[in-house]
Amino acid sequence: MAISYYTEEGLKRLKDELSDLKVRGRADMARQIAEARDKGDLSENAEYDAAKDAQGHLELKISKLDDLVANARVLDASSIDTSQVSIMTKVKIRNSKSGATLIYSIVAEEEADLKAGKISVKSPIGHGLLGKKVGQKAMITIPAGTIEFEVLEIASGF
């Protein structure tokens, strides 16, 4: 699995979610399975089968989060290169057609929150802006078509 970069806050959220799933999630799942088991014949118990399936999904999610946390690195804000758009930078862009100005922080996929102005490095806009410098334009294909953005400013995002 590839290394992913996070803010301290983002990595803490991931670790908290993982801990919660391991402790509370597993306990809830064990209780559901025990309740379903108490309802009789397991060969015809749909509730038991559903609980076992849910347990499998929970364990898969825990495994994926374990891998994510194991390969996560906290990015030091002082080491961010603001000469070009990269992960953990804040970028001010202008839509060349409409003239609208937008400000986004480029973050890891798990930290993306459009309402907070944080877009994923893997999103069409985030990916399309990577490596661009102030004054450069980027043609970005989004579901609604292709948009041209001009990079106006780049700053440390955090």
Protein backbone atom coordinates (compact mmCIF):
# COMPACT_ATOMS: atom_id res chain seq x y z
CA MET A 1 0.00 0.00 0.00
CA ALA A 2 1.23 3.49 -0.83
CA ILE A 3 2.23 6.03 1.78
CA SER A 4 -0.40 8.72 2.37
CA TYR A 5 0.20 12.11 3.94
CA TYR A 6 -2.09 13.64 6.53
CA THR A 7 -2.37 16.56 8.87
CA GLU A 8 -1.97 15.67 12.55
CA GLU A 9 -5.71 16.23 12.98
CA GLY A 10 -6.56 13.96 10.03
CA LEU A 11 -4.36 11.13 11.26
CA LYS A 12 -5.80 11.44 14.77
CA ARG A 13 -9.33 11.12 13.33
CA LEU A 14 -8.30 7.95 11.46
CA LYS A 15 -6.74 6.44 14.59
CA ASP A 16 -9.81 7.35 16.68
CA GLU A 17 -12.14 5.73 14.14
CA LEU A 18 -9.97 2.61 14.05
CA SER A 19 -9.93 2.37 17.84
CA ASP A 20 -13.70 2.85 18.00
CA LEU A 21 -14.30 0.11 15.42
CA LYS A 22 -11.98 -2.29 17.21
CA VAL A 23 -13.49 -1.72 20.65
CA ARG A 24 -17.12 -0.62 20.32
CA GLY A 25 -17.75 -1.99 16.82
CA ARG A 26 -16.51 -5.48 17.65
CA ALA A 27 -18.40 -5.53 20.97
CA ASP A 28 -21.65 -4.50 19.24
CA MET A 29 -21.11 -7.14 16.57
CA ALA A 30 -20.47 -9.89 19.15
CA ARG A 31 -23.69 -8.89 20.95
CA GLN A 32 -25.70 -9.00 17.70
CA ILE A 33 -24.32 -12.43 16.80
CA ALA A 34 -25.06 -13.75 20.31
CA GLU A 35 -28.63 -12.43 20.14
CA ALA A 36 -29.18 -13.99 16.73
CA ARG A 37 -27.64 -17.30 17.88
CA ASP A 38 -30.08 -17.41 20.80
CA LYS A 39 -33.02 -17.36 18.38
CA GLY A 40 -32.68 -21.00 17.41
CA ASP A 41 -31.50 -23.18 14.55
CA LEU A 42 -28.52 -21.47 12.88
CA SER A 43 -29.08 -23.22 9.54
CA GLU A 44 -32.35 -21.32 9.03
CA ASN A 45 -31.52 -18.14 10.93
CA ALA A 46 -31.35 -15.21 8.49
CA GLU A 47 -30.63 -12.79 11.33
CA TYR A 48 -27.54 -14.81 12.29
CA ASP A 49 -26.35 -14.90 8.66
CA ALA A 50 -26.84 -11.12 8.36
CA ALA A 51 -24.92 -10.51 11.61
CA LYS A 52 -22.03 -12.71 10.41
CA ASP A 53 -21.97 -10.82 7.08
CA ALA A 54 -21.93 -7.50 8.95
CA GLN A 55 -19.05 -8.83 11.07
CA GLY A 56 -17.12 -9.64 7.90
CA HIS A 57 -17.66 -6.09 6.59
CA LEU A 58 -16.56 -4.62 9.93
CA GLU A 59 -13.36 -6.70 9.95
CA LEU A 60 -12.62 -5.68 6.35
CA LYS A 61 -13.04 -2.00 7.26
CA ILE A 62 -10.78 -2.46 10.29
CA SER A 63 -8.16 -4.17 8.13
CA LYS A 64 -8.23 -1.36 5.55
CA LEU A 65 -7.95 1.31 8.26
CA ASP A 66 -5.09 -0.61 9.90
CA ASP A 67 -3.22 -0.56 6.57
CA LEU A 68 -4.01 3.13 6.05
CA VAL A 69 -2.75 4.10 9.52
CA ALA A 70 0.35 1.91 9.17
CA ASN A 71 1.27 3.70 5.94
CA ALA A 72 0.26 7.19 7.06
CA ARG A 73 2.74 9.98 7.56
CA VAL A 74 2.16 13.38 9.11
CA LEU A 75 3.26 16.14 6.80
CA ASP A 76 5.15 18.95 8.49
CA ALA A 77 3.71 22.30 7.38
CA SER A 78 7.19 23.90 7.38
CA SER A 79 8.42 21.41 4.76
CA ILE A 80 5.69 22.13 2.21
CA ASP A 81 6.97 23.50 -1.10
CA THR A 82 4.66 26.36 -2.04
CA SER A 83 6.30 27.01 -5.41
CA GLN A 84 3.78 24.57 -6.93
CA VAL A 85 0.46 22.98 -6.01
CA SER A 86 0.95 19.83 -3.94
CA ILE A 87 -0.74 17.96 -1.13
CA MET A 88 -1.26 20.16 1.95
CA THR A 89 -1.11 23.42 0.00
CA LYS A 90 -3.88 25.99 -0.14
CA VAL A 91 -4.50 27.22 -3.65
CA LYS A 92 -6.49 30.18 -4.94
CA ILE A 93 -7.77 29.59 -8.46
CA ARG A 94 -9.95 31.47 -10.94
CA ASN A 95 -12.38 29.88 -13.35
CA SER A 96 -11.23 31.39 -16.67
CA LYS A 97 -14.73 31.35 -18.15
CA SER A 98 -16.87 32.65 -15.28
CA GLY A 99 -14.18 34.63 -13.44
CA ALA A 100 -15.20 32.98 -10.15
CA THR A 101 -12.41 32.73 -7.61
CA LEU A 102 -12.13 29.65 -5.39
CA ILE A 103 -9.80 28.67 -2.56
CA TYR A 104 -9.12 25.01 -1.81
CA SER A 105 -6.78 23.09 0.44
CA ILE A 106 -5.41 19.98 -1.26
CA VAL A 107 -5.62 17.08 1.20
CA ALA A 108 -5.52 13.29 1.41
CA GLU A 109 -8.66 11.54 0.19
CA GLU A 110 -9.80 10.64 3.71
CA GLU A 111 -9.57 14.28 4.86
CA ALA A 112 -11.58 15.77 1.98
CA ASP A 113 -14.49 17.99 3.04
CA LEU A 114 -15.83 20.26 0.31
CA LYS A 115 -17.84 22.37 2.78
CA ALA A 116 -14.59 23.16 4.60
CA GLY A 117 -12.79 23.90 1.32
CA LYS A 118 -10.70 20.72 1.47
CA ILE A 119 -10.52 18.72 -1.76
CA SER A 120 -8.89 15.38 -2.30
CA VAL A 121 -5.59 15.13 -4.10
CA LYS A 122 -7.33 12.36 -6.10
CA SER A 123 -10.38 14.47 -7.07
CA PRO A 124 -10.48 15.77 -10.67
CA ILE A 125 -9.72 19.36 -9.60
CA GLY A 126 -7.13 18.41 -6.97
CA HIS A 127 -5.35 16.03 -9.34
CA GLY A 128 -5.53 18.51 -12.23
CA LEU A 129 -3.91 21.26 -10.17
CA LEU A 130 -0.97 19.18 -8.88
CA GLY A 131 2.37 20.54 -10.01
CA LYS A 132 0.94 23.81 -11.35
CA LYS A 133 2.65 27.08 -10.45
CA VAL A 134 1.25 30.58 -9.95
CA GLY A 135 0.14 31.96 -13.31
CA GLN A 136 -0.24 28.55 -14.94
CA LYS A 137 -3.55 27.31 -16.28
CA ALA A 138 -5.02 23.86 -15.88
CA MET A 139 -7.64 22.26 -18.11
CA ILE A 140 -9.62 20.02 -15.78
CA THR A 141 -12.27 17.54 -16.85
CA ILE A 142 -15.12 17.23 -14.40
CA PRO A 143 -18.46 15.44 -14.84
CA ALA A 144 -20.04 18.64 -16.25
CA GLY A 145 -17.31 19.10 -18.87
CA THR A 146 -13.89 20.72 -19.08
CA ILE A 147 -13.03 23.84 -17.11
CA GLU A 148 -9.94 26.01 -17.31
CA PHE A 149 -8.57 27.28 -14.00
CA GLU A 150 -5.73 29.73 -13.50
CA VAL A 151 -3.60 29.38 -10.37
CA LEU A 152 -3.52 32.76 -8.59
CA GLU A 153 -1.84 31.94 -5.27
CA ILE A 154 -0.27 28.98 -3.47
CA ALA A 155 0.29 28.90 0.28
CA SER A 156 0.94 26.40 3.02
CA GLY A 157 -2.48 24.90 3.66
CA PHE A 158 -2.19 24.34 7.40
